[in-house]
Amino acid sequence: MNSSFPFVLAGLAGLLLGATFFGGLWWTVRKGLTAKQPALWFLGSTLLRMGIALVGFYLSAAAIGNACWRAWPVLSSHALS
C-alpha cells in the first residue's frame, strides 16, 4: 500500500468532519431562530459539534500515528470545508 494513503484518508475524514460541523451549524441557526429557547439549541449544538469534531480528530490522528505533524491533513481539510 502507498505511504500517502493514510494521509488521503485523513484528509477525507477532515472533510467529513468539517461538513458535519458546518452542516450542524447551519441546521442549528435555522432551528434556533424559531425556537422558544434558542440558547439551549446553540449551547447544545456547540457542545455536540465540538465533541464530534474532537473525537474525529483524535481517532484520525491515532490511526495515522501519534506524531503531531501527521494530523495536518485532518485539520487542514476541516478548515477548508
PDB file of N, CA and C in Angstrom:
ATOM      1  N   MET A   1       0.844  -1.171   0.000  1.00  0.00           N
ATOM      2  CA  MET A   1       0.000   0.000   0.000  1.00  0.00           C
ATOM      3  C   MET A   1       0.893   1.240   0.000  1.00  0.00           C
ATOM      4  N   ASN A   2       0.429   2.280  -0.650  1.00  0.00           N
ATOM      5  CA  ASN A   2       1.189   3.511  -0.765  1.00  0.00           C
ATOM      6  C   ASN A   2       1.297   4.200   0.592  1.00  0.00           C
ATOM      7  N   SER A   3       2.415   4.865   0.843  1.00  0.00           N
ATOM      8  CA  SER A   3       2.613   5.503   2.146  1.00  0.00           C
ATOM      9  C   SER A   3       1.780   6.768   2.306  1.00  0.00           C
ATOM     10  N   SER A   4       1.252   7.318   1.226  1.00  0.00           N
ATOM     11  CA  SER A   4       0.416   8.515   1.332  1.00  0.00           C
ATOM     12  C   SER A   4      -1.066   8.176   1.526  1.00  0.00           C
ATOM     13  N   PHE A   5      -1.419   6.921   1.429  1.00  0.00           N
ATOM     14  CA  PHE A   5      -2.819   6.514   1.566  1.00  0.00           C
ATOM     15  C   PHE A   5      -3.431   6.914   2.905  1.00  0.00           C
ATOM     16  N   PRO A   6      -2.745   6.743   4.046  1.00  0.00           N
ATOM     17  CA  PRO A   6      -3.340   7.193   5.310  1.00  0.00           C
ATOM     18  C   PRO A   6      -3.588   8.700   5.360  1.00  0.00           C
ATOM     19  N   PHE A   7      -2.733   9.471   4.692  1.00  0.00           N
ATOM     20  CA  PHE A   7      -2.930  10.918   4.670  1.00  0.00           C
ATOM     21  C   PHE A   7      -4.141  11.306   3.823  1.00  0.00           C
ATOM     22  N   VAL A   8      -4.365  10.568   2.748  1.00  0.00           N
ATOM     23  CA  VAL A   8      -5.554  10.816   1.922  1.00  0.00           C
ATOM     24  C   VAL A   8      -6.809  10.485   2.721  1.00  0.00           C
ATOM     25  N   LEU A   9      -6.784   9.364   3.431  1.00  0.00           N
ATOM     26  CA  LEU A   9      -7.923   9.012   4.271  1.00  0.00           C
ATOM     27  C   LEU A   9      -8.143  10.048   5.372  1.00  0.00           C
ATOM     28  N   ALA A  10      -7.059  10.552   5.938  1.00  0.00           N
ATOM     29  CA  ALA A  10      -7.183  11.580   6.969  1.00  0.00           C
ATOM     30  C   ALA A  10      -7.773  12.856   6.385  1.00  0.00           C
ATOM     31  N   GLY A  11      -7.380  13.206   5.174  1.00  0.00           N
ATOM     32  CA  GLY A  11      -7.963  14.380   4.526  1.00  0.00           C
ATOM     33  C   GLY A  11      -9.450  14.209   4.273  1.00  0.00           C
ATOM     34  N   LEU A  12      -9.844  13.025   3.841  1.00  0.00           N
ATOM     35  CA  LEU A  12     -11.267  12.757   3.634  1.00  0.00           C
ATOM     36  C   LEU A  12     -12.033  12.781   4.958  1.00  0.00           C
ATOM     37  N   ALA A  13     -11.411  12.277   5.998  1.00  0.00           N
ATOM     38  CA  ALA A  13     -12.042  12.336   7.321  1.00  0.00           C
ATOM     39  C   ALA A  13     -12.217  13.775   7.773  1.00  0.00           C
ATOM     40  N   GLY A  14     -11.230  14.616   7.492  1.00  0.00           N
ATOM     41  CA  GLY A  14     -11.336  16.029   7.838  1.00  0.00           C
ATOM     42  C   GLY A  14     -12.452  16.722   7.081  1.00  0.00           C
ATOM     43  N   LEU A  15     -12.586  16.391   5.797  1.00  0.00           N
ATOM     44  CA  LEU A  15     -13.692  16.965   5.018  1.00  0.00           C
ATOM     45  C   LEU A  15     -15.042  16.521   5.566  1.00  0.00           C
ATOM     46  N   LEU A  16     -15.136  15.259   5.934  1.00  0.00           N
ATOM     47  CA  LEU A  16     -16.381  14.755   6.508  1.00  0.00           C
ATOM     48  C   LEU A  16     -16.684  15.425   7.845  1.00  0.00           C
ATOM     49  N   LEU A  17     -15.659  15.586   8.670  1.00  0.00           N
ATOM     50  CA  LEU A  17     -15.853  16.265   9.954  1.00  0.00           C
ATOM     51  C   LEU A  17     -16.248  17.724   9.750  1.00  0.00           C
ATOM     52  N   GLY A  18     -15.628  18.384   8.789  1.00  0.00           N
ATOM     53  CA  GLY A  18     -15.975  19.774   8.506  1.00  0.00           C
ATOM     54  C   GLY A  18     -17.398  19.916   7.991  1.00  0.00           C
ATOM     55  N   ALA A  19     -17.790  19.013   7.105  1.00  0.00           N
ATOM     56  CA  ALA A  19     -19.159  19.055   6.583  1.00  0.00           C
ATOM     57  C   ALA A  19     -20.169  18.799   7.695  1.00  0.00           C
ATOM     58  N   THR A  20     -19.845  17.887   8.593  1.00  0.00           N
ATOM     59  CA  THR A  20     -20.727  17.616   9.728  1.00  0.00           C
ATOM     60  C   THR A  20     -20.796  18.818  10.655  1.00  0.00           C
ATOM     61  N   PHE A  21     -19.647  19.420  10.940  1.00  0.00           N
ATOM     62  CA  PHE A  21     -19.592  20.564  11.850  1.00  0.00           C
ATOM     63  C   PHE A  21     -20.385  21.744  11.292  1.00  0.00           C
ATOM     64  N   PHE A  22     -20.101  22.127  10.050  1.00  0.00           N
ATOM     65  CA  PHE A  22     -20.749  23.300   9.484  1.00  0.00           C
ATOM     66  C   PHE A  22     -22.186  23.023   9.045  1.00  0.00           C
ATOM     67  N   GLY A  23     -22.482  21.788   8.679  1.00  0.00           N
ATOM     68  CA  GLY A  23     -23.876  21.418   8.422  1.00  0.00           C
ATOM     69  C   GLY A  23     -24.705  21.484   9.696  1.00  0.00           C
ATOM     70  N   GLY A  24     -24.116  21.046  10.800  1.00  0.00           N
ATOM     71  CA  GLY A  24     -24.800  21.163  12.092  1.00  0.00           C
ATOM     72  C   GLY A  24     -24.993  22.609  12.505  1.00  0.00           C
ATOM     73  N   LEU A  25     -24.026  23.449  12.193  1.00  0.00           N
ATOM     74  CA  LEU A  25     -24.159  24.877  12.490  1.00  0.00           C
ATOM     75  C   LEU A  25     -25.295  25.487  11.674  1.00  0.00           C
ATOM     76  N   TRP A  26     -25.372  25.156  10.397  1.00  0.00           N
ATOM     77  CA  TRP A  26     -26.440  25.657   9.538  1.00  0.00           C
ATOM     78  C   TRP A  26     -27.807  25.220  10.073  1.00  0.00           C
ATOM     79  N   TRP A  27     -27.905  23.944  10.440  1.00  0.00           N
ATOM     80  CA  TRP A  27     -29.161  23.413  10.962  1.00  0.00           C
ATOM     81  C   TRP A  27     -29.533  24.094  12.284  1.00  0.00           C
ATOM     82  N   THR A  28     -28.548  24.336  13.135  1.00  0.00           N
ATOM     83  CA  THR A  28     -28.800  24.967  14.426  1.00  0.00           C
ATOM     84  C   THR A  28     -29.301  26.391  14.255  1.00  0.00           C
ATOM     85  N   VAL A  29     -28.713  27.136  13.353  1.00  0.00           N
ATOM     86  CA  VAL A  29     -29.159  28.514  13.129  1.00  0.00           C
ATOM     87  C   VAL A  29     -30.590  28.524  12.622  1.00  0.00           C
ATOM     88  N   ARG A  30     -30.913  27.609  11.721  1.00  0.00           N
ATOM     89  CA  ARG A  30     -32.295  27.563  11.211  1.00  0.00           C
ATOM     90  C   ARG A  30     -33.286  27.209  12.318  1.00  0.00           C
ATOM     91  N   LYS A  31     -32.939  26.236  13.155  1.00  0.00           N
ATOM     92  CA  LYS A  31     -33.829  25.835  14.254  1.00  0.00           C
ATOM     93  C   LYS A  31     -33.826  26.864  15.380  1.00  0.00           C
ATOM     94  N   GLY A  32     -32.664  27.443  15.655  1.00  0.00           N
ATOM     95  CA  GLY A  32     -32.545  28.369  16.772  1.00  0.00           C
ATOM     96  C   GLY A  32     -33.299  29.659  16.572  1.00  0.00           C
ATOM     97  N   LEU A  33     -33.469  30.074  15.327  1.00  0.00           N
ATOM     98  CA  LEU A  33     -34.177  31.318  15.065  1.00  0.00           C
ATOM     99  C   LEU A  33     -35.665  31.217  15.381  1.00  0.00           C
ATOM    100  N   THR A  34     -36.223  30.030  15.311  1.00  0.00           N
ATOM    101  CA  THR A  34     -37.650  29.862  15.565  1.00  0.00           C
ATOM    102  C   THR A  34     -37.950  29.152  16.882  1.00  0.00           C
ATOM    103  N   ALA A  35     -36.924  28.802  17.636  1.00  0.00           N
ATOM    104  CA  ALA A  35     -37.120  28.043  18.876  1.00  0.00           C
ATOM    105  C   ALA A  35     -37.578  28.968  20.006  1.00  0.00           C
ATOM    106  N   LYS A  36     -38.266  28.378  20.979  1.00  0.00           N
ATOM    107  CA  LYS A  36     -38.694  29.142  22.145  1.00  0.00           C
ATOM    108  C   LYS A  36     -37.518  29.456  23.059  1.00  0.00           C
ATOM    109  N   GLN A  37     -36.558  28.543  23.122  1.00  0.00           N
ATOM    110  CA  GLN A  37     -35.353  28.748  23.931  1.00  0.00           C
ATOM    111  C   GLN A  37     -34.128  28.537  23.036  1.00  0.00           C
ATOM    112  N   PRO A  38     -33.766  29.546  22.265  1.00  0.00           N
ATOM    113  CA  PRO A  38     -32.658  29.365  21.318  1.00  0.00           C
ATOM    114  C   PRO A  38     -31.308  29.157  21.999  1.00  0.00           C
ATOM    115  N   ALA A  39     -31.137  29.645  23.201  1.00  0.00           N
ATOM    116  CA  ALA A  39     -29.850  29.474  23.882  1.00  0.00           C
ATOM    117  C   ALA A  39     -29.546  27.995  24.105  1.00  0.00           C
ATOM    118  N   LEU A  40     -30.566  27.214  24.406  1.00  0.00           N
ATOM    119  CA  LEU A  40     -30.350  25.776  24.587  1.00  0.00           C
ATOM    120  C   LEU A  40     -29.945  25.111  23.279  1.00  0.00           C
ATOM    121  N   TRP A  41     -30.547  25.517  22.175  1.00  0.00           N
ATOM    122  CA  TRP A  41     -30.173  24.972  20.873  1.00  0.00           C
ATOM    123  C   TRP A  41     -28.720  25.275  20.554  1.00  0.00           C
ATOM    124  N   PHE A  42     -28.341  26.549  20.748  1.00  0.00           N
ATOM    125  CA  PHE A  42     -26.990  26.948  20.383  1.00  0.00           C
ATOM    126  C   PHE A  42     -25.945  26.328  21.307  1.00  0.00           C
ATOM    127  N   LEU A  43     -26.221  26.286  22.594  1.00  0.00           N
ATOM    128  CA  LEU A  43     -25.271  25.695  23.531  1.00  0.00           C
ATOM    129  C   LEU A  43     -25.136  24.183  23.298  1.00  0.00           C
ATOM    130  N   GLY A  44     -26.272  23.515  23.191  1.00  0.00           N
ATOM    131  CA  GLY A  44     -26.240  22.070  22.966  1.00  0.00           C
ATOM    132  C   GLY A  44     -25.575  21.704  21.655  1.00  0.00           C
ATOM    133  N   SER A  45     -25.867  22.465  20.616  1.00  0.00           N
ATOM    134  CA  SER A  45     -25.267  22.191  19.318  1.00  0.00           C
ATOM    135  C   SER A  45     -23.766  22.442  19.339  1.00  0.00           C
ATOM    136  N   THR A  46     -23.353  23.499  20.000  1.00  0.00           N
ATOM    137  CA  THR A  46     -21.918  23.788  20.076  1.00  0.00           C
ATOM    138  C   THR A  46     -21.174  22.658  20.773  1.00  0.00           C
ATOM    139  N   LEU A  47     -21.705  22.210  21.892  1.00  0.00           N
ATOM    140  CA  LEU A  47     -21.055  21.121  22.623  1.00  0.00           C
ATOM    141  C   LEU A  47     -21.033  19.834  21.813  1.00  0.00           C
ATOM    142  N   LEU A  48     -22.121  19.519  21.155  1.00  0.00           N
ATOM    143  CA  LEU A  48     -22.198  18.297  20.364  1.00  0.00           C
ATOM    144  C   LEU A  48     -21.267  18.358  19.148  1.00  0.00           C
ATOM    145  N   ARG A  49     -21.293  19.471  18.424  1.00  0.00           N
ATOM    146  CA  ARG A  49     -20.446  19.597  17.232  1.00  0.00           C
ATOM    147  C   ARG A  49     -18.963  19.580  17.598  1.00  0.00           C
ATOM    148  N   MET A  50     -18.595  20.278  18.670  1.00  0.00           N
ATOM    149  CA  MET A  50     -17.188  20.270  19.082  1.00  0.00           C
ATOM    150  C   MET A  50     -16.766  18.900  19.579  1.00  0.00           C
ATOM    151  N   GLY A  51     -17.650  18.203  20.272  1.00  0.00           N
ATOM    152  CA  GLY A  51     -17.338  16.857  20.735  1.00  0.00           C
ATOM    153  C   GLY A  51     -17.116  15.897  19.582  1.00  0.00           C
ATOM    154  N   ILE A  52     -17.982  15.956  18.580  1.00  0.00           N
ATOM    155  CA  ILE A  52     -17.834  15.094  17.406  1.00  0.00           C
ATOM    156  C   ILE A  52     -16.531  15.405  16.682  1.00  0.00           C
ATOM    157  N   ALA A  53     -16.236  16.690  16.502  1.00  0.00           N
ATOM    158  CA  ALA A  53     -15.009  17.077  15.796  1.00  0.00           C
ATOM    159  C   ALA A  53     -13.770  16.638  16.570  1.00  0.00           C
ATOM    160  N   LEU A  54     -13.752  16.834  17.872  1.00  0.00           N
ATOM    161  CA  LEU A  54     -12.569  16.463  18.652  1.00  0.00           C
ATOM    162  C   LEU A  54     -12.349  14.956  18.677  1.00  0.00           C
ATOM    163  N   VAL A  55     -13.423  14.193  18.815  1.00  0.00           N
ATOM    164  CA  VAL A  55     -13.286  12.732  18.775  1.00  0.00           C
ATOM    165  C   VAL A  55     -12.806  12.287  17.398  1.00  0.00           C
ATOM    166  N   GLY A  56     -13.333  12.909  16.346  1.00  0.00           N
ATOM    167  CA  GLY A  56     -12.881  12.580  14.996  1.00  0.00           C
ATOM    168  C   GLY A  56     -11.426  12.926  14.770  1.00  0.00           C
ATOM    169  N   PHE A  57     -10.983  14.081  15.282  1.00  0.00           N
ATOM    170  CA  PHE A  57      -9.572  14.449  15.167  1.00  0.00           C
ATOM    171  C   PHE A  57      -8.705  13.453  15.908  1.00  0.00           C
ATOM    172  N   TYR A  58      -9.132  13.084  17.091  1.00  0.00           N
ATOM    173  CA  TYR A  58      -8.343  12.144  17.898  1.00  0.00           C
ATOM    174  C   TYR A  58      -8.228  10.787  17.207  1.00  0.00           C
ATOM    175  N   LEU A  59      -9.351  10.279  16.724  1.00  0.00           N
ATOM    176  CA  LEU A  59      -9.330   8.965  16.074  1.00  0.00           C
ATOM    177  C   LEU A  59      -8.518   8.989  14.780  1.00  0.00           C
ATOM    178  N   SER A  60      -8.619  10.070  14.024  1.00  0.00           N
ATOM    179  CA  SER A  60      -7.845  10.174  12.791  1.00  0.00           C
ATOM    180  C   SER A  60      -6.351  10.264  13.078  1.00  0.00           C
ATOM    181  N   ALA A  61      -5.991  11.058  14.072  1.00  0.00           N
ATOM    182  CA  ALA A  61      -4.578  11.186  14.426  1.00  0.00           C
ATOM    183  C   ALA A  61      -4.034   9.873  14.985  1.00  0.00           C
ATOM    184  N   ALA A  62      -4.839   9.168  15.741  1.00  0.00           N
ATOM    185  CA  ALA A  62      -4.399   7.888  16.295  1.00  0.00           C
ATOM    186  C   ALA A  62      -4.233   6.843  15.192  1.00  0.00           C
ATOM    187  N   ALA A  63      -5.062   6.912  14.159  1.00  0.00           N
ATOM    188  CA  ALA A  63      -4.957   5.946  13.062  1.00  0.00           C
ATOM    189  C   ALA A  63      -3.704   6.192  12.222  1.00  0.00           C
ATOM    190  N   ILE A  64      -3.315   7.458  12.084  1.00  0.00           N
ATOM    191  CA  ILE A  64      -2.130   7.785  11.297  1.00  0.00           C
ATOM    192  C   ILE A  64      -0.869   7.524  12.101  1.00  0.00           C
ATOM    193  N   GLY A  65      -0.896   7.861  13.348  1.00  0.00           N
ATOM    194  CA  GLY A  65       0.274   7.791  14.223  1.00  0.00           C
ATOM    195  C   GLY A  65       0.192   8.965  15.180  1.00  0.00           C
ATOM    196  N   ASN A  66       0.855   8.892  16.280  1.00  0.00           N
ATOM    197  CA  ASN A  66       0.692   9.897  17.313  1.00  0.00           C
ATOM    198  C   ASN A  66       1.586  11.120  17.158  1.00  0.00           C
ATOM    199  N   ALA A  67       2.282  11.271  16.063  1.00  0.00           N
ATOM    200  CA  ALA A  67       3.095  12.466  15.854  1.00  0.00           C
ATOM    201  C   ALA A  67       2.175  13.637  15.500  1.00  0.00           C
ATOM    202  N   CYS A  68       2.406  14.774  16.102  1.00  0.00           N
ATOM    203  CA  CYS A  68       1.541  15.948  15.896  1.00  0.00           C
ATOM    204  C   CYS A  68       1.535  16.413  14.447  1.00  0.00           C
ATOM    205  N   TRP A  69       2.661  16.337  13.776  1.00  0.00           N
ATOM    206  CA  TRP A  69       2.734  16.837  12.400  1.00  0.00           C
ATOM    207  C   TRP A  69       1.939  15.973  11.440  1.00  0.00           C
ATOM    208  N   ARG A  70       1.606  14.768  11.851  1.00  0.00           N
ATOM    209  CA  ARG A  70       0.857  13.880  10.967  1.00  0.00           C
ATOM    210  C   ARG A  70      -0.642  14.185  10.962  1.00  0.00           C
ATOM    211  N   ALA A  71      -1.101  15.035  11.843  1.00  0.00           N
ATOM    212  CA  ALA A  71      -2.530  15.360  11.911  1.00  0.00           C
ATOM    213  C   ALA A  71      -2.907  16.505  10.974  1.00  0.00           C
ATOM    214  N   TRP A  72      -1.959  17.064  10.240  1.00  0.00           N
ATOM    215  CA  TRP A  72      -2.262  18.215   9.397  1.00  0.00           C
ATOM    216  C   TRP A  72      -3.288  17.949   8.309  1.00  0.00           C
ATOM    217  N   PRO A  73      -3.386  16.753   7.704  1.00  0.00           N
ATOM    218  CA  PRO A  73      -4.430  16.561   6.682  1.00  0.00           C
ATOM    219  C   PRO A  73      -5.836  16.684   7.253  1.00  0.00           C
ATOM    220  N   VAL A  74      -6.038  16.189   8.444  1.00  0.00           N
ATOM    221  CA  VAL A  74      -7.373  16.253   9.057  1.00  0.00           C
ATOM    222  C   VAL A  74      -7.721  17.704   9.379  1.00  0.00           C
ATOM    223  N   LEU A  75      -6.805  18.386  10.035  1.00  0.00           N
ATOM    224  CA  LEU A  75      -7.073  19.744  10.462  1.00  0.00           C
ATOM    225  C   LEU A  75      -7.211  20.708   9.280  1.00  0.00           C
ATOM    226  N   SER A  76      -6.349  20.566   8.299  1.00  0.00           N
ATOM    227  CA  SER A  76      -6.421  21.491   7.158  1.00  0.00           C
ATOM    228  C   SER A  76      -7.665  21.254   6.306  1.00  0.00           C
ATOM    229  N   SER A  77      -8.035  20.015   6.101  1.00  0.00           N
ATOM    230  CA  SER A  77      -9.233  19.762   5.292  1.00  0.00           C
ATOM    231  C   SER A  77     -10.497  20.126   6.046  1.00  0.00           C
ATOM    232  N   HIS A  78     -10.473  20.048   7.386  1.00  0.00           N
ATOM    233  CA  HIS A  78     -11.621  20.522   8.165  1.00  0.00           C
ATOM    234  C   HIS A  78     -11.763  22.029   7.996  1.00  0.00           C
ATOM    235  N   ALA A  79     -10.655  22.739   8.016  1.00  0.00           N
ATOM    236  CA  ALA A  79     -10.693  24.189   7.877  1.00  0.00           C
ATOM    237  C   ALA A  79     -11.121  24.608   6.476  1.00  0.00           C
ATOM    238  N   LEU A  80     -10.805  23.795   5.472  1.00  0.00           N
ATOM    239  CA  LEU A  80     -11.162  24.133   4.101  1.00  0.00           C
ATOM    240  C   LEU A  80     -12.621  23.851   3.764  1.00  0.00           C
ATOM    241  N   SER A  81     -13.246  22.978   4.529  1.00  0.00           N
ATOM    242  CA  SER A  81     -14.626  22.610   4.176  1.00  0.00           C
ATOM    243  C   SER A  81     -15.610  23.685   4.538  1.00  0.00           C
TER     244      SER A  81
END
